[in-house]
């Protein structure tokens, strides 16, 4: 990209081009290409297959995820589900929050650790406007998730493990 004298600000600036983003060394199209392949292969395999570095694949995925989060339209969220997954040996967990409305199931948020503070981070990240419209929260029997709401579950279903659902009145007050 060329360095040009800007007549407006009287400074030397880097010319903006439509196929690049800032000072990134990859084009937008190539970053999207790498990020899509990184969904199917490991990042190391993606880098090897396209003769690039793991760092370039990471940058591509980071760019696509950041763009997606900035342009995401949450809309109405009526019901969420919260659970945790173990991601390493020992007790290392991630807290996952999904939208589980009729017709749409999608991952909304991932928090590090399996703590009340981590789950509370979801409500902080989504904001009061989105949270105030949630009608149901579904969770497994992990006690801190139930304590966060402060109410007894309104529905109990038997699946491989017990699932509690409740109206989040305590969260919106």
Protein backbone atom coordinates (compact mmCIF):
# COMPACT_ATOMS: atom_id res chain seq x y z
CA UNK A 1 0.00 0.00 0.00
CA UNK A 2 1.21 3.41 -0.85
CA UNK A 3 2.11 6.21 1.50
CA UNK A 4 0.53 9.43 0.27
CA UNK A 5 0.42 13.09 1.23
CA UNK A 6 -3.09 13.80 2.48
CA UNK A 7 -4.28 17.24 1.34
CA UNK A 8 -6.95 17.37 4.04
CA UNK A 9 -4.83 16.66 7.14
CA UNK A 10 -1.45 17.71 5.68
CA UNK A 11 0.23 14.46 6.78
CA UNK A 12 1.74 11.39 5.19
CA UNK A 13 -0.73 8.49 5.55
CA UNK A 14 -1.10 4.97 4.23
CA UNK A 15 -3.60 4.76 1.41
CA UNK A 16 -6.74 2.83 2.32
CA UNK A 17 -7.66 0.00 -0.05
CA UNK A 18 -10.96 -1.91 -0.06
CA UNK A 19 -9.43 -5.40 0.03
CA UNK A 20 -7.34 -4.87 3.20
CA UNK A 21 -8.05 -3.94 6.78
CA UNK A 22 -5.70 -1.54 8.54
CA UNK A 23 -2.14 -2.76 8.80
CA UNK A 24 -3.00 -6.45 8.46
CA UNK A 25 -0.79 -8.30 6.00
CA UNK A 26 -3.62 -10.53 4.74
CA UNK A 27 -6.48 -9.48 2.51
CA UNK A 28 -10.06 -9.66 3.79
CA UNK A 29 -10.89 -12.43 1.32
CA UNK A 30 -7.89 -14.54 2.38
CA UNK A 31 -8.70 -14.06 6.08
CA UNK A 32 -12.26 -15.23 5.47
CA UNK A 33 -10.94 -18.19 3.45
CA UNK A 34 -8.53 -19.25 6.23
CA UNK A 35 -11.15 -18.78 8.96
CA UNK A 36 -13.63 -21.00 7.12
CA UNK A 37 -11.05 -23.75 6.70
CA UNK A 38 -10.07 -23.35 10.36
CA UNK A 39 -13.62 -24.45 11.26
CA UNK A 40 -13.01 -27.81 9.53
CA UNK A 41 -9.36 -28.43 10.31
CA UNK A 42 -7.17 -27.64 13.27
CA UNK A 43 -5.41 -24.30 13.00
CA UNK A 44 -2.08 -26.08 12.58
CA UNK A 45 -3.45 -28.23 9.74
CA UNK A 46 -4.97 -25.15 8.09
CA UNK A 47 -1.63 -23.35 8.25
CA UNK A 48 0.20 -26.34 6.78
CA UNK A 49 -2.38 -26.91 4.02
CA UNK A 50 -2.17 -23.32 2.79
CA UNK A 51 1.54 -22.79 3.49
CA UNK A 52 1.12 -20.05 6.02
CA UNK A 53 1.79 -19.74 9.74
CA UNK A 54 -0.38 -20.65 12.71
CA UNK A 55 -0.26 -16.93 13.68
CA UNK A 56 -1.79 -15.92 10.34
CA UNK A 57 -4.63 -18.43 10.83
CA UNK A 58 -5.14 -17.07 14.35
CA UNK A 59 -5.26 -13.48 13.03
CA UNK A 60 -7.77 -14.51 10.37
CA UNK A 61 -10.07 -16.25 12.86
CA UNK A 62 -9.76 -13.34 15.30
CA UNK A 63 -10.67 -10.86 12.56
CA UNK A 64 -13.73 -12.84 11.43
CA UNK A 65 -14.98 -13.40 14.99
CA UNK A 66 -14.50 -9.72 15.89
CA UNK A 67 -16.37 -8.64 12.76
CA UNK A 68 -19.17 -11.10 13.54
CA UNK A 69 -19.55 -9.88 17.10
CA UNK A 70 -19.63 -6.24 15.99
CA UNK A 71 -22.33 -6.96 13.38
CA UNK A 72 -24.38 -9.49 15.34
CA UNK A 73 -28.06 -8.77 15.82
CA UNK A 74 -29.29 -10.52 18.95
CA UNK A 75 -32.97 -9.77 18.53
CA UNK A 76 -35.42 -11.20 21.04
CA UNK A 77 -34.00 -13.90 23.32
CA UNK A 78 -36.75 -15.73 25.21
CA UNK A 79 -34.85 -18.70 26.64
CA UNK A 80 -31.22 -19.49 27.39
CA UNK A 81 -29.47 -22.64 28.45
CA UNK A 82 -26.31 -22.70 30.54
CA UNK A 83 -23.88 -25.57 30.94
CA UNK A 84 -20.19 -26.18 31.29
CA UNK A 85 -17.66 -28.24 29.40
CA UNK A 86 -14.30 -29.54 30.53
CA UNK A 87 -11.53 -28.45 28.19
CA UNK A 88 -8.39 -29.92 29.77
CA UNK A 89 -7.28 -32.52 32.28
CA UNK A 90 -8.18 -31.70 35.83
CA UNK A 91 -10.98 -29.34 36.70
CA UNK A 92 -10.73 -26.77 33.91
CA UNK A 93 -14.12 -25.70 32.61
CA UNK A 94 -15.75 -23.22 30.27
CA UNK A 95 -19.25 -21.87 30.92
CA UNK A 96 -21.41 -21.91 27.77
CA UNK A 97 -24.63 -19.94 27.32
CA UNK A 98 -26.91 -20.83 24.40
CA UNK A 99 -30.06 -19.27 23.04
CA UNK A 100 -32.61 -22.11 22.99
CA UNK A 101 -35.68 -20.45 21.52
CA UNK A 102 -38.05 -22.29 19.19
CA UNK A 103 -36.52 -22.12 15.73
CA UNK A 104 -33.10 -20.82 16.82
CA UNK A 105 -30.33 -22.44 18.81
CA UNK A 106 -27.02 -20.64 18.89
CA UNK A 107 -24.05 -20.08 21.14
CA UNK A 108 -24.23 -16.62 22.70
CA UNK A 109 -21.32 -16.51 25.11
CA UNK A 110 -18.34 -18.45 26.50
CA UNK A 111 -16.86 -17.72 29.91
CA UNK A 112 -13.69 -19.06 31.44
CA UNK A 113 -14.14 -21.22 34.54
CA UNK A 114 -17.30 -22.62 36.09
CA UNK A 115 -18.08 -19.98 38.69
CA UNK A 116 -20.91 -17.65 39.62
CA UNK A 117 -18.70 -14.73 38.57
CA UNK A 118 -18.18 -16.29 35.16
CA UNK A 119 -21.92 -16.82 34.63
CA UNK A 120 -22.61 -13.28 35.88
CA UNK A 121 -20.22 -12.11 33.15
CA UNK A 122 -22.77 -13.24 30.55
CA UNK A 123 -25.42 -10.92 31.99
CA UNK A 124 -22.93 -8.06 32.10
CA UNK A 125 -21.84 -8.65 28.49
CA UNK A 126 -25.39 -8.86 27.12
CA UNK A 127 -26.67 -5.76 28.88
CA UNK A 128 -29.86 -5.05 30.81
CA UNK A 129 -32.00 -4.49 27.71
CA UNK A 130 -31.40 -8.02 26.36
CA UNK A 131 -31.44 -9.70 29.78
CA UNK A 132 -34.71 -8.09 30.86
CA UNK A 133 -36.55 -9.86 28.01
CA UNK A 134 -35.37 -13.40 28.84
CA UNK A 135 -38.34 -15.50 29.96
CA UNK A 136 -36.62 -18.78 30.89
CA UNK A 137 -33.19 -20.00 31.94
CA UNK A 138 -32.41 -23.72 31.75
CA UNK A 139 -29.51 -25.23 33.64
CA UNK A 140 -28.28 -28.50 35.04
CA UNK A 141 -28.21 -29.08 38.78
CA UNK A 142 -24.93 -27.26 39.45
CA UNK A 143 -25.76 -25.39 42.64
CA UNK A 144 -24.09 -21.99 41.94
CA UNK A 145 -26.14 -21.55 38.74
CA UNK A 146 -29.30 -22.14 40.74
CA UNK A 147 -28.16 -19.81 43.54
CA UNK A 148 -27.56 -16.98 41.07
CA UNK A 149 -31.26 -16.81 40.27
CA UNK A 150 -32.41 -17.14 43.86
CA UNK A 151 -35.69 -18.87 42.98
CA UNK A 152 -36.92 -22.43 42.81
CA UNK A 153 -37.06 -23.92 39.30
CA UNK A 154 -40.53 -23.94 37.72
CA UNK A 155 -40.03 -27.03 35.60
CA UNK A 156 -37.98 -30.19 36.04
CA UNK A 157 -37.33 -32.69 33.26
CA UNK A 158 -35.55 -36.02 33.52
CA UNK A 159 -32.89 -36.51 30.87
CA UNK A 160 -29.45 -38.07 31.39
CA UNK A 161 -29.09 -35.50 34.15
CA UNK A 162 -31.74 -33.28 35.66
CA UNK A 163 -32.47 -29.96 33.96
CA UNK A 164 -33.98 -27.03 35.85
CA UNK A 165 -35.80 -24.15 34.17
CA UNK A 166 -36.89 -20.95 35.88
CA UNK A 167 -38.09 -17.42 35.21
CA UNK A 168 -35.23 -14.99 35.87
CA UNK A 169 -37.13 -12.53 38.08
CA UNK A 170 -34.17 -12.08 40.44
CA UNK A 171 -31.88 -11.13 37.54
CA UNK A 172 -34.04 -8.35 36.18
CA UNK A 173 -34.74 -6.56 39.44
